[in-house]
Amino acid sequence: MNPLLRCTDCPRLAGFLAEVRSRNPDYHGRAVLPFGDPRARLLIVGLAPGMHGANRTGRPFTGDHAGILLYQTLHAFGFGSQPVSLAADDELTLNDCRITNAVKCLPPENKPEPSEIRTCNRYLAAELRAAPEVRVILALGLVAHKAVLMASGLKQSAFAFGHGARHALPDGRVLIDSYHCSRYNTQTRRLTSAGFQDVFRSIRAELG
């Protein structure tokens, strides 16, 4: 078993997950591992698993509203084999793309505490070290943006978050920001399908 699946380093998250598993014994109810192409050039970093999405299915952005726009867009730009992700055992595959989260375990009310983000950051840092092929990192939201910088050992103040912003990192990688594809952001039109597609056009341009 992957050691991350046994991690209990964040007491609040570990206790909350235990409660969720007791109420929903058929849920995945553990840390959610990255999903996608292990040699991908694009790494997408989200916030954390959703209660009835990744926490239920065991796959990032799968089974909840936040994944609808993401997987539609991945398919439209050639990164996904199909436009929907319904379950961890469906036939979806990702090409040249991998998805992970800044915090691997479900937080209460989808709000990890700063200490939990810091504690979990070593896993993201290890993912980046183990993936020299990654050329572009897409941060979905401010928490993911900051987590990528932390994992890369970079100062937050040097790279301001902004939807569509492009940041050239010292290691040669490019960090691109987007608003998170959450239900709130899409329903309030803070993030539209067209705006999200513009971000992916930038990513495709970076990857050639």
C-alpha atoms as a PDB file:
ATOM      1  CA  MET A   1       0.000   0.000   0.000  1.00  0.00           C
ATOM      2  CA  ASN A   2       1.206   3.488  -0.809  1.00  0.00           C
ATOM      3  CA  PRO A   3       2.435   5.103   2.469  1.00  0.00           C
ATOM      4  CA  LEU A   4       0.298   8.156   1.746  1.00  0.00           C
ATOM      5  CA  LEU A   5      -2.839   6.043   2.171  1.00  0.00           C
ATOM      6  CA  ARG A   6      -1.801   5.361   5.774  1.00  0.00           C
ATOM      7  CA  CYS A   7      -0.839   8.953   6.599  1.00  0.00           C
ATOM      8  CA  THR A   8      -2.346  10.363   9.827  1.00  0.00           C
ATOM      9  CA  ASP A   9       0.028  13.320  10.246  1.00  0.00           C
ATOM     10  CA  CYS A  10      -2.835  15.830  10.369  1.00  0.00           C
ATOM     11  CA  PRO A  11      -4.933  14.847  13.425  1.00  0.00           C
ATOM     12  CA  ARG A  12      -7.949  16.946  12.439  1.00  0.00           C
ATOM     13  CA  LEU A  13      -8.083  15.445   8.948  1.00  0.00           C
ATOM     14  CA  ALA A  14      -7.448  11.904  10.173  1.00  0.00           C
ATOM     15  CA  GLY A  15     -10.255  12.190  12.714  1.00  0.00           C
ATOM     16  CA  PHE A  16     -12.633  13.685  10.174  1.00  0.00           C
ATOM     17  CA  LEU A  17     -11.900  10.932   7.656  1.00  0.00           C
ATOM     18  CA  ALA A  18     -12.547   8.291  10.317  1.00  0.00           C
ATOM     19  CA  GLU A  19     -15.970   9.847  10.947  1.00  0.00           C
ATOM     20  CA  VAL A  20     -16.728   9.992   7.231  1.00  0.00           C
ATOM     21  CA  ARG A  21     -15.742   6.329   6.757  1.00  0.00           C
ATOM     22  CA  SER A  22     -18.007   5.290   9.609  1.00  0.00           C
ATOM     23  CA  ARG A  23     -20.954   7.079   8.003  1.00  0.00           C
ATOM     24  CA  ASN A  24     -20.053   6.048   4.450  1.00  0.00           C
ATOM     25  CA  PRO A  25     -18.313   2.652   4.557  1.00  0.00           C
ATOM     26  CA  ASP A  26     -18.452   2.353   0.763  1.00  0.00           C
ATOM     27  CA  TYR A  27     -16.460   5.591   0.252  1.00  0.00           C
ATOM     28  CA  HIS A  28     -12.738   5.614  -0.537  1.00  0.00           C
ATOM     29  CA  GLY A  29     -12.272   7.681   2.618  1.00  0.00           C
ATOM     30  CA  ARG A  30      -8.478   7.979   2.548  1.00  0.00           C
ATOM     31  CA  ALA A  31      -5.847  10.156   0.957  1.00  0.00           C
ATOM     32  CA  VAL A  32      -6.431  10.501  -2.780  1.00  0.00           C
ATOM     33  CA  LEU A  33      -3.426   9.636  -4.943  1.00  0.00           C
ATOM     34  CA  PRO A  34      -2.493  11.446  -8.164  1.00  0.00           C
ATOM     35  CA  PHE A  35      -4.170  10.257 -11.358  1.00  0.00           C
ATOM     36  CA  GLY A  36      -2.954  10.252 -14.932  1.00  0.00           C
ATOM     37  CA  ASP A  37       0.073   9.792 -17.142  1.00  0.00           C
ATOM     38  CA  PRO A  38       3.166   9.107 -14.994  1.00  0.00           C
ATOM     39  CA  ARG A  39       5.387  10.790 -17.613  1.00  0.00           C
ATOM     40  CA  ALA A  40       3.087  13.752 -18.224  1.00  0.00           C
ATOM     41  CA  ARG A  41       4.404  17.181 -19.145  1.00  0.00           C
ATOM     42  CA  LEU A  42       1.332  18.845 -17.597  1.00  0.00           C
ATOM     43  CA  LEU A  43       0.644  18.583 -13.874  1.00  0.00           C
ATOM     44  CA  ILE A  44      -2.654  19.973 -12.600  1.00  0.00           C
ATOM     45  CA  VAL A  45      -2.801  20.836  -8.891  1.00  0.00           C
ATOM     46  CA  GLY A  46      -6.177  21.247  -7.189  1.00  0.00           C
ATOM     47  CA  LEU A  47      -7.080  22.103  -3.616  1.00  0.00           C
ATOM     48  CA  ALA A  48      -8.231  18.907  -1.878  1.00  0.00           C
ATOM     49  CA  PRO A  49     -10.632  15.973  -2.395  1.00  0.00           C
ATOM     50  CA  GLY A  50     -14.343  16.780  -2.296  1.00  0.00           C
ATOM     51  CA  MET A  51     -16.613  14.984   0.155  1.00  0.00           C
ATOM     52  CA  HIS A  52     -18.777  13.204  -2.421  1.00  0.00           C
ATOM     53  CA  GLY A  53     -16.287  13.422  -5.279  1.00  0.00           C
ATOM     54  CA  ALA A  54     -12.701  12.237  -4.940  1.00  0.00           C
ATOM     55  CA  ASN A  55     -13.210  11.237  -1.305  1.00  0.00           C
ATOM     56  CA  ARG A  56     -15.964   8.907  -2.495  1.00  0.00           C
ATOM     57  CA  THR A  57     -14.432   7.623  -5.726  1.00  0.00           C
ATOM     58  CA  GLY A  58     -10.714   7.719  -4.952  1.00  0.00           C
ATOM     59  CA  ARG A  59      -9.844   9.699  -8.107  1.00  0.00           C
ATOM     60  CA  PRO A  60      -9.161  13.469  -8.200  1.00  0.00           C
ATOM     61  CA  PHE A  61     -12.106  15.592  -9.394  1.00  0.00           C
ATOM     62  CA  THR A  62     -14.225  12.510 -10.062  1.00  0.00           C
ATOM     63  CA  GLY A  63     -17.882  12.227  -9.163  1.00  0.00           C
ATOM     64  CA  ASP A  64     -18.608  15.835  -8.195  1.00  0.00           C
ATOM     65  CA  HIS A  65     -19.415  19.149  -9.858  1.00  0.00           C
ATOM     66  CA  ALA A  66     -15.837  20.452  -9.842  1.00  0.00           C
ATOM     67  CA  GLY A  67     -14.750  17.734 -12.239  1.00  0.00           C
ATOM     68  CA  ILE A  68     -17.361  18.462 -14.907  1.00  0.00           C
ATOM     69  CA  LEU A  69     -15.660  21.449 -16.521  1.00  0.00           C
ATOM     70  CA  LEU A  70     -12.169  20.086 -15.884  1.00  0.00           C
ATOM     71  CA  TYR A  71     -12.638  16.759 -17.647  1.00  0.00           C
ATOM     72  CA  GLN A  72     -14.674  18.308 -20.471  1.00  0.00           C
ATOM     73  CA  THR A  73     -11.827  20.718 -21.110  1.00  0.00           C
ATOM     74  CA  LEU A  74      -9.119  18.071 -20.834  1.00  0.00           C
ATOM     75  CA  HIS A  75     -10.945  16.028 -23.461  1.00  0.00           C
ATOM     76  CA  ALA A  76     -11.418  19.048 -25.744  1.00  0.00           C
ATOM     77  CA  PHE A  77      -7.683  19.775 -25.678  1.00  0.00           C
ATOM     78  CA  GLY A  78      -6.553  16.188 -26.204  1.00  0.00           C
ATOM     79  CA  PHE A  79      -5.492  15.384 -22.649  1.00  0.00           C
ATOM     80  CA  GLY A  80      -8.402  13.047 -21.812  1.00  0.00           C
ATOM     81  CA  SER A  81      -9.812  10.026 -23.623  1.00  0.00           C
ATOM     82  CA  GLN A  82     -13.401  10.955 -22.712  1.00  0.00           C
ATOM     83  CA  PRO A  83     -15.173  14.112 -21.487  1.00  0.00           C
ATOM     84  CA  VAL A  84     -16.463  12.710 -18.188  1.00  0.00           C
ATOM     85  CA  SER A  85     -14.910  11.029 -15.163  1.00  0.00           C
ATOM     86  CA  LEU A  86     -17.497   9.053 -13.237  1.00  0.00           C
ATOM     87  CA  ALA A  87     -15.593   6.424 -11.256  1.00  0.00           C
ATOM     88  CA  ALA A  88     -12.052   5.263 -10.626  1.00  0.00           C
ATOM     89  CA  ASP A  89     -12.710   2.068 -12.603  1.00  0.00           C
ATOM     90  CA  ASP A  90     -14.163   3.675 -15.730  1.00  0.00           C
ATOM     91  CA  GLU A  91     -12.239   3.676 -19.011  1.00  0.00           C
ATOM     92  CA  LEU A  92     -10.920   7.233 -18.785  1.00  0.00           C
ATOM     93  CA  THR A  93      -7.208   7.706 -19.430  1.00  0.00           C
ATOM     94  CA  LEU A  94      -5.168  10.894 -19.440  1.00  0.00           C
ATOM     95  CA  ASN A  95      -2.523  11.628 -22.045  1.00  0.00           C
ATOM     96  CA  ASP A  96       0.452  13.862 -21.160  1.00  0.00           C
ATOM     97  CA  CYS A  97      -1.444  15.067 -18.073  1.00  0.00           C
ATOM     98  CA  ARG A  98      -1.579  14.158 -14.394  1.00  0.00           C
ATOM     99  CA  ILE A  99      -3.838  15.524 -11.657  1.00  0.00           C
ATOM    100  CA  THR A 100      -3.042  15.876  -7.966  1.00  0.00           C
ATOM    101  CA  ASN A 101      -4.068  18.041  -4.997  1.00  0.00           C
ATOM    102  CA  ALA A 102      -2.292  20.395  -2.633  1.00  0.00           C
ATOM    103  CA  VAL A 103      -3.900  18.518   0.280  1.00  0.00           C
ATOM    104  CA  LYS A 104      -4.475  14.818  -0.270  1.00  0.00           C
ATOM    105  CA  CYS A 105      -7.169  14.217   2.380  1.00  0.00           C
ATOM    106  CA  LEU A 106     -10.698  15.578   2.643  1.00  0.00           C
ATOM    107  CA  PRO A 107     -10.832  18.663   4.909  1.00  0.00           C
ATOM    108  CA  PRO A 108     -13.978  19.717   6.795  1.00  0.00           C
ATOM    109  CA  GLU A 109     -15.995  22.200   4.709  1.00  0.00           C
ATOM    110  CA  ASN A 110     -13.342  21.919   1.969  1.00  0.00           C
ATOM    111  CA  LYS A 111     -11.085  24.239   3.967  1.00  0.00           C
ATOM    112  CA  PRO A 112      -7.683  22.871   4.970  1.00  0.00           C
ATOM    113  CA  GLU A 113      -5.854  24.766   7.677  1.00  0.00           C
ATOM    114  CA  PRO A 114      -2.481  26.369   6.899  1.00  0.00           C
ATOM    115  CA  SER A 115      -0.671  23.826   9.066  1.00  0.00           C
ATOM    116  CA  GLU A 116      -2.297  20.982   7.107  1.00  0.00           C
ATOM    117  CA  ILE A 117      -1.248  22.518   3.800  1.00  0.00           C
ATOM    118  CA  ARG A 118       2.318  22.764   5.085  1.00  0.00           C
ATOM    119  CA  THR A 119       2.328  19.218   6.462  1.00  0.00           C
ATOM    120  CA  CYS A 120       1.025  17.734   3.218  1.00  0.00           C
ATOM    121  CA  ASN A 121       3.315  19.836   1.039  1.00  0.00           C
ATOM    122  CA  ARG A 122       6.140  17.312   1.246  1.00  0.00           C
ATOM    123  CA  TYR A 123       4.097  14.947  -0.902  1.00  0.00           C
ATOM    124  CA  LEU A 124       3.673  17.556  -3.626  1.00  0.00           C
ATOM    125  CA  ALA A 125       7.378  18.396  -3.408  1.00  0.00           C
ATOM    126  CA  ALA A 126       8.212  14.718  -3.838  1.00  0.00           C
ATOM    127  CA  GLU A 127       5.889  14.495  -6.851  1.00  0.00           C
ATOM    128  CA  LEU A 128       7.680  17.406  -8.494  1.00  0.00           C
ATOM    129  CA  ARG A 129      11.125  15.941  -7.777  1.00  0.00           C
ATOM    130  CA  ALA A 130      10.087  12.573  -9.183  1.00  0.00           C
ATOM    131  CA  ALA A 131       8.651  14.043 -12.398  1.00  0.00           C
ATOM    132  CA  PRO A 132      11.399  15.764 -14.408  1.00  0.00           C
ATOM    133  CA  GLU A 133       9.167  15.527 -17.498  1.00  0.00           C
ATOM    134  CA  VAL A 134       6.703  18.075 -16.088  1.00  0.00           C
ATOM    135  CA  ARG A 135       7.050  21.319 -18.038  1.00  0.00           C
ATOM    136  CA  VAL A 136       3.813  23.106 -17.114  1.00  0.00           C
ATOM    137  CA  ILE A 137       2.027  23.206 -13.763  1.00  0.00           C
ATOM    138  CA  LEU A 138      -1.566  24.403 -13.686  1.00  0.00           C
ATOM    139  CA  ALA A 139      -2.634  25.677 -10.271  1.00  0.00           C
ATOM    140  CA  LEU A 140      -6.392  25.654  -9.733  1.00  0.00           C
ATOM    141  CA  GLY A 141      -6.916  28.403  -7.190  1.00  0.00           C
ATOM    142  CA  LEU A 142      -4.797  30.376  -4.767  1.00  0.00           C
ATOM    143  CA  VAL A 143      -4.145  27.505  -2.327  1.00  0.00           C
ATOM    144  CA  ALA A 144      -2.775  25.316  -5.109  1.00  0.00           C
ATOM    145  CA  HIS A 145      -0.698  28.230  -6.423  1.00  0.00           C
ATOM    146  CA  LYS A 146       0.895  28.778  -3.021  1.00  0.00           C
ATOM    147  CA  ALA A 147       1.400  25.046  -2.495  1.00  0.00           C
ATOM    148  CA  VAL A 148       3.336  24.736  -5.760  1.00  0.00           C
ATOM    149  CA  LEU A 149       5.590  27.633  -4.787  1.00  0.00           C
ATOM    150  CA  MET A 150       6.137  26.141  -1.330  1.00  0.00           C
ATOM    151  CA  ALA A 151       6.970  22.743  -2.813  1.00  0.00           C
ATOM    152  CA  SER A 152       9.417  24.434  -5.171  1.00  0.00           C
ATOM    153  CA  GLY A 153      11.115  26.382  -2.365  1.00  0.00           C
ATOM    154  CA  LEU A 154      10.078  29.736  -3.835  1.00  0.00           C
ATOM    155  CA  LYS A 155       8.918  32.970  -2.193  1.00  0.00           C
ATOM    156  CA  GLN A 156       5.187  33.590  -2.388  1.00  0.00           C
ATOM    157  CA  SER A 157       5.676  37.333  -2.833  1.00  0.00           C
ATOM    158  CA  ALA A 158       7.593  36.880  -6.079  1.00  0.00           C
ATOM    159  CA  PHE A 159       4.696  35.233  -7.912  1.00  0.00           C
ATOM    160  CA  ALA A 160       1.283  36.867  -7.608  1.00  0.00           C
ATOM    161  CA  PHE A 161      -1.770  34.699  -8.301  1.00  0.00           C
ATOM    162  CA  GLY A 162      -4.060  35.760 -11.117  1.00  0.00           C
ATOM    163  CA  HIS A 163      -6.388  33.924 -13.448  1.00  0.00           C
ATOM    164  CA  GLY A 164      -4.433  33.181 -16.627  1.00  0.00           C
ATOM    165  CA  ALA A 165      -1.162  34.416 -15.110  1.00  0.00           C
ATOM    166  CA  ARG A 166       2.057  32.816 -16.378  1.00  0.00           C
ATOM    167  CA  HIS A 167       5.076  32.441 -14.110  1.00  0.00           C
ATOM    168  CA  ALA A 168       8.477  31.288 -15.346  1.00  0.00           C
ATOM    169  CA  LEU A 169      10.019  29.271 -12.500  1.00  0.00           C
ATOM    170  CA  PRO A 170      13.780  29.055 -11.900  1.00  0.00           C
ATOM    171  CA  ASP A 171      13.865  25.342 -12.742  1.00  0.00           C
ATOM    172  CA  GLY A 172      12.606  26.013 -16.269  1.00  0.00           C
ATOM    173  CA  ARG A 173       9.035  25.011 -15.604  1.00  0.00           C
ATOM    174  CA  VAL A 174       6.071  27.298 -16.137  1.00  0.00           C
ATOM    175  CA  LEU A 175       3.352  27.810 -13.548  1.00  0.00           C
ATOM    176  CA  ILE A 176      -0.019  28.887 -14.942  1.00  0.00           C
ATOM    177  CA  ASP A 177      -2.870  29.988 -12.689  1.00  0.00           C
ATOM    178  CA  SER A 178      -6.607  29.538 -13.047  1.00  0.00           C
ATOM    179  CA  TYR A 179      -9.590  30.066 -10.834  1.00  0.00           C
ATOM    180  CA  HIS A 180     -10.662  26.753  -9.358  1.00  0.00           C
ATOM    181  CA  CYS A 181     -13.369  24.936 -11.334  1.00  0.00           C
ATOM    182  CA  SER A 182     -15.593  24.676  -8.263  1.00  0.00           C
ATOM    183  CA  ARG A 183     -19.376  24.805  -8.356  1.00  0.00           C
ATOM    184  CA  TYR A 184     -19.306  28.272  -6.769  1.00  0.00           C
ATOM    185  CA  ASN A 185     -16.925  29.711  -9.359  1.00  0.00           C
ATOM    186  CA  THR A 186     -18.722  28.231 -12.356  1.00  0.00           C
ATOM    187  CA  GLN A 187     -22.235  29.074 -11.157  1.00  0.00           C
ATOM    188  CA  THR A 188     -21.286  32.673 -10.351  1.00  0.00           C
ATOM    189  CA  ARG A 189     -19.531  32.861 -13.740  1.00  0.00           C
ATOM    190  CA  ARG A 190     -16.285  33.845 -12.117  1.00  0.00           C
ATOM    191  CA  LEU A 191     -14.897  30.983 -14.186  1.00  0.00           C
ATOM    192  CA  THR A 192     -16.546  30.349 -17.534  1.00  0.00           C
ATOM    193  CA  SER A 193     -15.957  27.574 -20.020  1.00  0.00           C
ATOM    194  CA  ALA A 194     -14.456  30.100 -22.426  1.00  0.00           C
ATOM    195  CA  GLY A 195     -12.148  31.491 -19.751  1.00  0.00           C
ATOM    196  CA  PHE A 196     -10.985  28.014 -18.796  1.00  0.00           C
ATOM    197  CA  GLN A 197     -10.364  27.127 -22.435  1.00  0.00           C
ATOM    198  CA  ASP A 198      -8.201  30.242 -22.775  1.00  0.00           C
ATOM    199  CA  VAL A 199      -6.004  28.879 -19.986  1.00  0.00           C
ATOM    200  CA  PHE A 200      -5.661  25.565 -21.781  1.00  0.00           C
ATOM    201  CA  ARG A 201      -4.784  27.302 -25.042  1.00  0.00           C
ATOM    202  CA  SER A 202      -1.897  28.867 -23.158  1.00  0.00           C
ATOM    203  CA  ILE A 203      -0.898  25.474 -21.838  1.00  0.00           C
ATOM    204  CA  ARG A 204      -0.955  23.939 -25.311  1.00  0.00           C
ATOM    205  CA  ALA A 205       1.188  26.809 -26.583  1.00  0.00           C
ATOM    206  CA  GLU A 206       3.721  26.159 -23.816  1.00  0.00           C
ATOM    207  CA  LEU A 207       3.870  22.452 -24.612  1.00  0.00           C
ATOM    208  CA  GLY A 208       4.140  23.034 -28.345  1.00  0.00           C
END
